[in-house]
């Protein structure tokens, strides 16, 4: 079952309450998304660590109800 953009945003904001999140449905199928996430929680962390924080926020849905998610992450003013 595909995820809705608002569900992805909600999960990310639950884990990172200060996050500014923009979600785009790339294929219109609810299965392929791009997300831009800006959060102070990313400060001092590598890009890999930032992405891992997002995957953790999605609580195992990557590869299951969410097939593909292209990520852009940054701390404010990066």
Protein backbone atom coordinates (compact mmCIF):
# COMPACT_ATOMS: atom_id res chain seq x y z
CA UNK A 1 0.00 0.00 0.00
CA UNK A 2 1.45 3.35 -1.08
CA UNK A 3 2.08 6.22 1.33
CA UNK A 4 0.66 9.70 1.01
CA UNK A 5 2.98 12.73 1.07
CA UNK A 6 1.35 14.05 4.24
CA UNK A 7 2.11 10.74 6.00
CA UNK A 8 5.81 11.04 5.15
CA UNK A 9 5.86 14.65 6.31
CA UNK A 10 4.09 13.76 9.54
CA UNK A 11 6.52 10.95 10.39
CA UNK A 12 9.51 13.20 9.75
CA UNK A 13 8.05 16.04 11.84
CA UNK A 14 7.25 13.63 14.67
CA UNK A 15 10.94 12.70 14.83
CA UNK A 16 12.30 16.19 14.04
CA UNK A 17 9.74 18.72 15.29
CA UNK A 18 11.68 21.75 14.02
CA UNK A 19 12.00 20.34 10.49
CA UNK A 20 10.91 22.23 7.43
CA UNK A 21 9.72 19.47 5.09
CA UNK A 22 8.83 19.63 1.40
CA UNK A 23 7.59 16.45 -0.28
CA UNK A 24 7.14 15.99 -4.05
CA UNK A 25 5.44 12.96 -5.63
CA UNK A 26 7.81 12.27 -8.54
CA UNK A 27 5.71 9.77 -10.49
CA UNK A 28 2.18 10.49 -9.30
CA UNK A 29 1.93 6.93 -8.00
CA UNK A 30 2.37 7.52 -4.26
CA UNK A 31 5.46 5.32 -4.39
CA UNK A 32 8.29 7.59 -5.60
CA UNK A 33 8.95 10.79 -3.67
CA UNK A 34 11.56 13.48 -3.23
CA UNK A 35 11.93 15.14 0.15
CA UNK A 36 13.79 18.27 1.18
CA UNK A 37 14.29 18.43 4.94
CA UNK A 38 15.93 21.30 6.82
CA UNK A 39 16.49 20.78 10.55
CA UNK A 40 18.83 22.11 13.22
CA UNK A 41 19.14 18.47 14.34
CA UNK A 42 21.37 17.89 11.30
CA UNK A 43 24.01 20.40 12.43
CA UNK A 44 27.41 18.73 12.77
CA UNK A 45 26.21 15.47 11.23
CA UNK A 46 27.36 13.96 7.96
CA UNK A 47 24.97 13.65 5.04
CA UNK A 48 24.81 9.89 5.64
CA UNK A 49 23.87 10.46 9.30
CA UNK A 50 21.22 12.99 8.27
CA UNK A 51 19.67 10.54 5.83
CA UNK A 52 19.76 7.78 8.45
CA UNK A 53 17.80 10.05 10.78
CA UNK A 54 15.11 10.36 8.09
CA UNK A 55 15.03 6.61 7.47
CA UNK A 56 14.70 6.04 11.22
CA UNK A 57 11.82 8.54 11.30
CA UNK A 58 10.00 6.52 8.63
CA UNK A 59 9.88 3.55 11.03
CA UNK A 60 10.68 0.77 8.58
CA UNK A 61 8.38 1.91 5.79
CA UNK A 62 11.26 2.41 3.31
CA UNK A 63 11.22 -0.50 0.89
CA UNK A 64 7.76 -1.54 2.07
CA UNK A 65 4.96 1.01 1.65
CA UNK A 66 7.48 3.57 0.36
CA UNK A 67 9.47 2.35 -2.61
CA UNK A 68 11.76 5.31 -3.35
CA UNK A 69 12.65 8.53 -1.57
CA UNK A 70 15.22 10.95 -2.95
CA UNK A 71 16.53 13.01 -0.04
CA UNK A 72 18.05 16.46 0.27
CA UNK A 73 18.89 17.30 3.86
CA UNK A 74 20.59 20.25 5.49
CA UNK A 75 20.86 22.27 8.65
CA UNK A 76 19.51 25.84 8.48
CA UNK A 77 21.83 28.19 6.56
CA UNK A 78 23.90 25.33 5.06
